C-alpha atoms as a PDB file:
ATOM      1  CA  MET A   1      42.912 -17.782 -12.375  1.00  0.00           C
ATOM      2  CA  SER A   2      42.779 -14.754 -10.067  1.00  0.00           C
ATOM      3  CA  GLU A   3      41.718 -12.508 -12.957  1.00  0.00           C
ATOM      4  CA  LEU A   4      38.907 -14.890 -13.830  1.00  0.00           C
ATOM      5  CA  LEU A   5      37.671 -14.988 -10.254  1.00  0.00           C
ATOM      6  CA  ASP A   6      37.836 -11.193 -10.055  1.00  0.00           C
ATOM      7  CA  ALA A   7      35.779 -10.973 -13.245  1.00  0.00           C
ATOM      8  CA  VAL A   8      33.206 -13.393 -11.817  1.00  0.00           C
ATOM      9  CA  ASP A   9      33.050 -11.397  -8.577  1.00  0.00           C
ATOM     10  CA  ALA A  10      32.456  -8.235 -10.589  1.00  0.00           C
ATOM     11  CA  LEU A  11      29.544  -9.913 -12.368  1.00  0.00           C
ATOM     12  CA  LEU A  12      28.081 -11.042  -9.050  1.00  0.00           C
ATOM     13  CA  ALA A  13      28.389  -7.529  -7.619  1.00  0.00           C
ATOM     14  CA  ARG A  14      26.409  -5.945 -10.459  1.00  0.00           C
ATOM     15  CA  PRO A  15      23.281  -4.435  -8.949  1.00  0.00           C
ATOM     16  CA  ASP A  16      20.769  -5.607 -11.494  1.00  0.00           C
ATOM     17  CA  THR A  17      18.597  -7.828  -9.349  1.00  0.00           C
ATOM     18  CA  LEU A  18      15.335  -6.115  -8.575  1.00  0.00           C
ATOM     19  CA  PRO A  19      12.890  -7.251  -5.910  1.00  0.00           C
ATOM     20  CA  SER A  20       9.422  -8.290  -6.999  1.00  0.00           C
ATOM     21  CA  PRO A  21       7.114  -5.535  -8.252  1.00  0.00           C
ATOM     22  CA  GLU A  22       4.988  -5.946  -5.121  1.00  0.00           C
ATOM     23  CA  VAL A  23       7.990  -5.244  -2.907  1.00  0.00           C
ATOM     24  CA  ARG A  24       9.150  -2.302  -5.060  1.00  0.00           C
ATOM     25  CA  ALA A  25       5.801  -0.556  -4.637  1.00  0.00           C
ATOM     26  CA  ARG A  26       5.599  -1.347  -0.921  1.00  0.00           C
ATOM     27  CA  LEU A  27       9.066   0.117  -0.328  1.00  0.00           C
ATOM     28  CA  ARG A  28       8.224   3.340  -2.153  1.00  0.00           C
ATOM     29  CA  LYS A  29       4.936   3.702  -0.298  1.00  0.00           C
ATOM     30  CA  ALA A  30       6.617   2.942   3.040  1.00  0.00           C
ATOM     31  CA  ASP A  31       8.820   5.985   2.417  1.00  0.00           C
ATOM     32  CA  GLY A  32       5.734   8.090   1.636  1.00  0.00           C
ATOM     33  CA  LEU A  33       6.656   8.875  -1.965  1.00  0.00           C
ATOM     34  CA  THR A  34       4.536   8.937  -5.090  1.00  0.00           C
ATOM     35  CA  GLN A  35       5.572   7.487  -8.425  1.00  0.00           C
ATOM     36  CA  GLU A  36       5.636  11.043  -9.769  1.00  0.00           C
ATOM     37  CA  GLU A  37       8.150  12.168  -7.107  1.00  0.00           C
ATOM     38  CA  VAL A  38      10.508   9.283  -7.770  1.00  0.00           C
ATOM     39  CA  ALA A  39      10.174   9.614 -11.543  1.00  0.00           C
ATOM     40  CA  GLU A  40      11.144  13.283 -11.290  1.00  0.00           C
ATOM     41  CA  VAL A  41      14.369  12.409  -9.473  1.00  0.00           C
ATOM     42  CA  PHE A  42      15.265   9.894 -12.180  1.00  0.00           C
ATOM     43  CA  GLY A  43      14.338  12.303 -14.962  1.00  0.00           C
ATOM     44  CA  VAL A  44      11.739   9.968 -16.456  1.00  0.00           C
ATOM     45  CA  THR A  45       7.984  10.156 -16.849  1.00  0.00           C
ATOM     46  CA  ARG A  46       5.650   8.756 -14.224  1.00  0.00           C
ATOM     47  CA  VAL A  47       4.507   6.201 -16.795  1.00  0.00           C
ATOM     48  CA  ALA A  48       8.100   5.024 -17.363  1.00  0.00           C
ATOM     49  CA  PHE A  49       8.658   4.700 -13.635  1.00  0.00           C
ATOM     50  CA  HIS A  50       5.342   2.858 -13.253  1.00  0.00           C
ATOM     51  CA  ARG A  51       6.565   0.356 -15.852  1.00  0.00           C
ATOM     52  CA  TRP A  52       9.780  -0.203 -13.827  1.00  0.00           C
ATOM     53  CA  GLU A  53       7.871  -0.606 -10.602  1.00  0.00           C
ATOM     54  CA  THR A  54       5.365  -3.074 -12.049  1.00  0.00           C
ATOM     55  CA  GLY A  55       8.024  -5.086 -13.863  1.00  0.00           C
ATOM     56  CA  VAL A  56       6.678  -4.327 -17.334  1.00  0.00           C
ATOM     57  CA  ALA A  57      10.000  -2.705 -18.261  1.00  0.00           C
ATOM     58  CA  LYS A  58      13.489  -2.727 -16.819  1.00  0.00           C
ATOM     59  CA  PRO A  59      15.403   0.524 -16.358  1.00  0.00           C
ATOM     60  CA  ARG A  60      18.367   1.110 -18.641  1.00  0.00           C
ATOM     61  CA  ARG A  61      21.785   0.513 -17.131  1.00  0.00           C
ATOM     62  CA  ARG A  62      22.345   4.129 -16.011  1.00  0.00           C
ATOM     63  CA  HIS A  63      19.033   4.139 -14.137  1.00  0.00           C
ATOM     64  CA  LEU A  64      19.142   0.508 -13.034  1.00  0.00           C
ATOM     65  CA  GLU A  65      22.095   0.889 -10.689  1.00  0.00           C
ATOM     66  CA  ALA A  66      20.563   3.976  -9.087  1.00  0.00           C
ATOM     67  CA  TYR A  67      17.141   2.338  -8.778  1.00  0.00           C
ATOM     68  CA  VAL A  68      18.606  -0.759  -7.117  1.00  0.00           C
ATOM     69  CA  ARG A  69      20.532   1.508  -4.755  1.00  0.00           C
ATOM     70  CA  LEU A  70      17.334   3.386  -3.894  1.00  0.00           C
ATOM     71  CA  LEU A  71      15.424   0.134  -3.300  1.00  0.00           C
ATOM     72  CA  ASN A  72      18.216  -1.181  -1.063  1.00  0.00           C
ATOM     73  CA  GLY A  73      18.173   2.069   0.906  1.00  0.00           C
ATOM     74  CA  TRP A  74      14.434   1.848   1.383  1.00  0.00           C
ATOM     75  CA  ALA A  75      14.744  -1.812   2.398  1.00  0.00           C
ATOM     76  CA  ALA A  76      17.271  -0.825   5.079  1.00  0.00           C
ATOM     77  CA  LYS A  77      14.931   1.914   6.352  1.00  0.00           C
ATOM     78  CA  HIS A  78      11.770  -0.175   6.109  1.00  0.00           C
ATOM     79  CA  PRO A  79      12.699  -3.860   6.556  1.00  0.00           C
ATOM     80  CA  GLU A  80       9.072  -4.833   7.113  1.00  0.00           C
ATOM     81  CA  ALA A  81       8.153  -3.507   3.664  1.00  0.00           C
ATOM     82  CA  ALA A  82      11.003  -5.489   2.078  1.00  0.00           C
ATOM     83  CA  GLN A  83       9.601  -8.828   3.239  1.00  0.00           C
ATOM     84  CA  VAL A  84       8.284 -11.037   0.486  1.00  0.00           C
ATOM     85  CA  SER A  85       4.740 -12.181   1.162  1.00  0.00           C
ATOM     86  CA  GLU A  86       4.252 -15.913   1.174  1.00  0.00           C
ATOM     87  CA  PRO A  87       1.524 -17.085  -1.171  1.00  0.00           C
ATOM     88  CA  ALA A  88      -1.687 -18.153   0.539  1.00  0.00           C
ATOM     89  CA  HIS A  89      -2.149 -21.894   0.681  1.00  0.00           C
ATOM     90  CA  GLN A  90      -5.155 -23.137  -1.162  1.00  0.00           C
ATOM     91  CA  ALA A  91      -7.564 -25.373   0.688  1.00  0.00           C
ATOM     92  CA  GLY A  92      -7.414 -28.854  -0.706  1.00  0.00           C
END
């Protein structure tokens, strides 16, 4: 049973949960970086990075873990940018 629980814990620890595209962009901008600058670090085109940031595409595994780590680092530095905006209530 311990092996099974360890395997489940490993799945839970996988860093493949990305914040919303809105939060991703806000975090990058809060750190004063352009899409081009971040794309260069990851070795991808600006267009590819734009697709990650907008949620059109998901980074491949080797980039995903690093991107999640970067987003978590930005969230720690800029907690206000990591906040999810609540949708505006419509007048009824």
